Amino acid sequence: MDGLIVNFYAEKGFAYEQHMGKMPVGTASDLFVSTVTYEQSFQLDNFKQMVSETFIAWPRDSAKLM
């Protein structure tokens, strides 16, 4: 869930709620969700780099996962 952000506000009239509109969970009967594609993203490139470094550092242990 790299990159998932959820804003929860239960207090009515909280100033941040007024600026965020329908983005905080629980402030309206509907919810606005902003998304970006995963392909060509920093998150995907970062994940690939971490996997590569893991296989280099621990090849035997990593092979067990495959």
N, C-alpha and C. Protein backbone atom coordinates (compact mmCIF):
# COMPACT_ATOMS: atom_id res chain seq x y z
N MET A 1 0.83 -1.18 0.00
CA MET A 1 0.00 0.00 0.00
C MET A 1 0.88 1.24 0.00
N ASP A 2 2.00 1.17 -0.65
CA ASP A 2 2.90 2.30 -0.74
C ASP A 2 2.19 3.48 -1.38
N GLY A 3 2.10 4.57 -0.67
CA GLY A 3 1.50 5.77 -1.23
C GLY A 3 0.05 5.99 -0.87
N LEU A 4 -0.58 5.06 -0.16
CA LEU A 4 -1.98 5.23 0.20
C LEU A 4 -2.10 6.17 1.38
N ILE A 5 -2.89 7.21 1.22
CA ILE A 5 -3.11 8.19 2.29
C ILE A 5 -4.59 8.34 2.49
N VAL A 6 -5.03 8.20 3.73
CA VAL A 6 -6.44 8.38 4.07
C VAL A 6 -6.51 9.39 5.20
N ASN A 7 -7.35 10.40 5.06
CA ASN A 7 -7.55 11.40 6.11
C ASN A 7 -8.87 11.13 6.80
N PHE A 8 -8.83 10.89 8.12
CA PHE A 8 -10.03 10.67 8.91
C PHE A 8 -10.22 11.86 9.86
N TYR A 9 -11.40 12.45 9.83
CA TYR A 9 -11.73 13.53 10.75
C TYR A 9 -13.16 13.30 11.22
N ALA A 10 -13.35 13.16 12.52
CA ALA A 10 -14.67 12.89 13.07
C ALA A 10 -15.31 14.15 13.64
N GLU A 11 -14.50 15.13 13.95
CA GLU A 11 -15.01 16.34 14.59
C GLU A 11 -15.68 17.26 13.58
N LYS A 12 -16.94 17.58 13.78
CA LYS A 12 -17.67 18.49 12.90
C LYS A 12 -17.10 19.89 13.01
N GLY A 13 -17.00 20.56 11.88
CA GLY A 13 -16.54 21.94 11.87
C GLY A 13 -15.03 22.10 11.97
N PHE A 14 -14.30 21.02 11.89
CA PHE A 14 -12.84 21.09 11.93
C PHE A 14 -12.37 21.91 10.73
N ALA A 15 -11.52 22.91 10.93
CA ALA A 15 -11.12 23.84 9.86
C ALA A 15 -10.54 23.12 8.65
N TYR A 16 -9.77 22.06 8.88
CA TYR A 16 -9.15 21.34 7.76
C TYR A 16 -10.21 20.72 6.87
N GLU A 17 -11.32 20.30 7.45
CA GLU A 17 -12.43 19.70 6.71
C GLU A 17 -12.95 20.68 5.64
N GLN A 18 -13.02 21.95 5.96
CA GLN A 18 -13.52 22.95 5.03
C GLN A 18 -12.60 23.10 3.82
N HIS A 19 -11.31 22.97 4.00
CA HIS A 19 -10.35 23.12 2.92
C HIS A 19 -10.22 21.86 2.06
N MET A 20 -10.45 20.70 2.64
CA MET A 20 -10.27 19.43 1.94
C MET A 20 -11.53 18.98 1.20
N GLY A 21 -12.67 19.55 1.47
CA GLY A 21 -13.90 19.17 0.78
C GLY A 21 -14.29 17.74 1.07
N LYS A 22 -14.46 16.93 0.01
CA LYS A 22 -14.92 15.55 0.16
C LYS A 22 -13.78 14.54 0.26
N MET A 23 -12.55 15.01 0.43
CA MET A 23 -11.42 14.08 0.49
C MET A 23 -11.26 13.40 1.84
N PRO A 24 -11.48 14.06 2.99
CA PRO A 24 -11.38 13.32 4.26
C PRO A 24 -12.53 12.31 4.40
N VAL A 25 -12.22 11.12 4.88
CA VAL A 25 -13.23 10.09 5.07
C VAL A 25 -14.14 10.48 6.23
N GLY A 26 -15.45 10.39 6.01
CA GLY A 26 -16.41 10.64 7.07
C GLY A 26 -16.96 12.04 7.15
N THR A 27 -16.58 12.93 6.24
CA THR A 27 -17.07 14.31 6.31
C THR A 27 -18.26 14.56 5.40
N ALA A 28 -18.58 13.60 4.52
CA ALA A 28 -19.69 13.78 3.58
C ALA A 28 -20.27 12.41 3.25
N SER A 29 -21.43 12.40 2.60
CA SER A 29 -22.05 11.12 2.24
C SER A 29 -21.36 10.48 1.04
N ASP A 30 -20.56 11.25 0.29
CA ASP A 30 -19.77 10.69 -0.80
C ASP A 30 -18.31 11.06 -0.56
N LEU A 31 -17.40 10.47 -1.35
CA LEU A 31 -15.98 10.61 -1.11
C LEU A 31 -15.26 10.86 -2.42
N PHE A 32 -14.37 11.81 -2.44
CA PHE A 32 -13.51 12.07 -3.60
C PHE A 32 -12.21 11.33 -3.40
N VAL A 33 -11.79 10.54 -4.41
CA VAL A 33 -10.53 9.79 -4.32
C VAL A 33 -9.66 10.19 -5.49
N SER A 34 -8.49 10.71 -5.19
CA SER A 34 -7.52 11.13 -6.21
C SER A 34 -6.53 9.98 -6.41
N THR A 35 -6.29 9.60 -7.66
CA THR A 35 -5.37 8.49 -7.93
C THR A 35 -4.37 8.87 -9.02
N VAL A 36 -3.29 8.13 -9.08
CA VAL A 36 -2.31 8.24 -10.15
C VAL A 36 -2.00 6.83 -10.63
N THR A 37 -1.60 6.69 -11.88
CA THR A 37 -1.29 5.36 -12.40
C THR A 37 0.01 4.84 -11.77
N TYR A 38 0.07 3.55 -11.55
CA TYR A 38 1.22 2.91 -10.94
C TYR A 38 2.35 2.73 -11.95
N GLU A 39 1.99 2.44 -13.20
CA GLU A 39 2.98 2.27 -14.25
C GLU A 39 3.72 3.60 -14.46
N GLN A 40 4.99 3.53 -14.69
CA GLN A 40 5.83 4.73 -14.88
C GLN A 40 5.86 5.62 -13.64
N SER A 41 5.68 5.05 -12.45
CA SER A 41 5.66 5.84 -11.22
C SER A 41 6.96 5.64 -10.44
N PHE A 42 7.24 6.57 -9.56
CA PHE A 42 8.39 6.43 -8.66
C PHE A 42 8.21 5.21 -7.78
N GLN A 43 6.99 4.95 -7.33
CA GLN A 43 6.74 3.82 -6.44
C GLN A 43 7.12 2.50 -7.10
N LEU A 44 6.77 2.32 -8.37
CA LEU A 44 7.13 1.08 -9.07
C LEU A 44 8.63 0.99 -9.27
N ASP A 45 9.26 2.08 -9.70
CA ASP A 45 10.72 2.07 -9.88
C ASP A 45 11.43 1.79 -8.56
N ASN A 46 10.96 2.38 -7.48
CA ASN A 46 11.55 2.17 -6.16
C ASN A 46 11.38 0.72 -5.72
N PHE A 47 10.20 0.14 -5.96
CA PHE A 47 9.95 -1.25 -5.61
C PHE A 47 10.89 -2.18 -6.37
N LYS A 48 11.06 -1.94 -7.66
CA LYS A 48 11.96 -2.77 -8.47
C LYS A 48 13.39 -2.67 -7.96
N GLN A 49 13.82 -1.48 -7.58
CA GLN A 49 15.17 -1.28 -7.05
C GLN A 49 15.36 -2.03 -5.74
N MET A 50 14.37 -1.97 -4.86
CA MET A 50 14.46 -2.69 -3.58
C MET A 50 14.53 -4.20 -3.79
N VAL A 51 13.74 -4.72 -4.71
CA VAL A 51 13.76 -6.16 -4.99
C VAL A 51 15.13 -6.55 -5.54
N SER A 52 15.66 -5.76 -6.45
CA SER A 52 16.97 -6.05 -7.03
C SER A 52 18.06 -6.07 -5.95
N GLU A 53 18.05 -5.07 -5.09
CA GLU A 53 19.04 -5.00 -4.01
C GLU A 53 18.90 -6.16 -3.04
N THR A 54 17.68 -6.59 -2.79
CA THR A 54 17.44 -7.72 -1.90
C THR A 54 18.02 -9.00 -2.49
N PHE A 55 17.80 -9.24 -3.78
CA PHE A 55 18.32 -10.43 -4.43
C PHE A 55 19.84 -10.44 -4.47
N ILE A 56 20.45 -9.27 -4.61
CA ILE A 56 21.92 -9.18 -4.61
C ILE A 56 22.47 -9.44 -3.21
N ALA A 57 21.84 -8.87 -2.21
CA ALA A 57 22.33 -9.01 -0.83
C ALA A 57 22.09 -10.40 -0.25
N TRP A 58 20.96 -11.00 -0.57
CA TRP A 58 20.59 -12.30 0.00
C TRP A 58 20.09 -13.26 -1.10
N PRO A 59 20.98 -13.68 -2.00
CA PRO A 59 20.53 -14.50 -3.14
C PRO A 59 19.89 -15.83 -2.75
N ARG A 60 20.46 -16.54 -1.76
CA ARG A 60 19.90 -17.84 -1.37
C ARG A 60 18.52 -17.69 -0.73
N ASP A 61 18.41 -16.74 0.17
CA ASP A 61 17.12 -16.51 0.83
C ASP A 61 16.07 -16.03 -0.17
N SER A 62 16.48 -15.17 -1.08
CA SER A 62 15.54 -14.64 -2.09
C SER A 62 15.06 -15.74 -3.02
N ALA A 63 15.94 -16.69 -3.36
CA ALA A 63 15.57 -17.79 -4.25
C ALA A 63 14.47 -18.65 -3.62
N LYS A 64 14.45 -18.75 -2.30
CA LYS A 64 13.42 -19.55 -1.61
C LYS A 64 12.03 -18.94 -1.80
N LEU A 65 11.97 -17.66 -2.06
CA LEU A 65 10.69 -16.99 -2.23
C LEU A 65 10.10 -17.19 -3.61
N MET A 66 10.91 -17.64 -4.52
CA MET A 66 10.46 -17.80 -5.91
C MET A 66 9.84 -19.15 -6.16
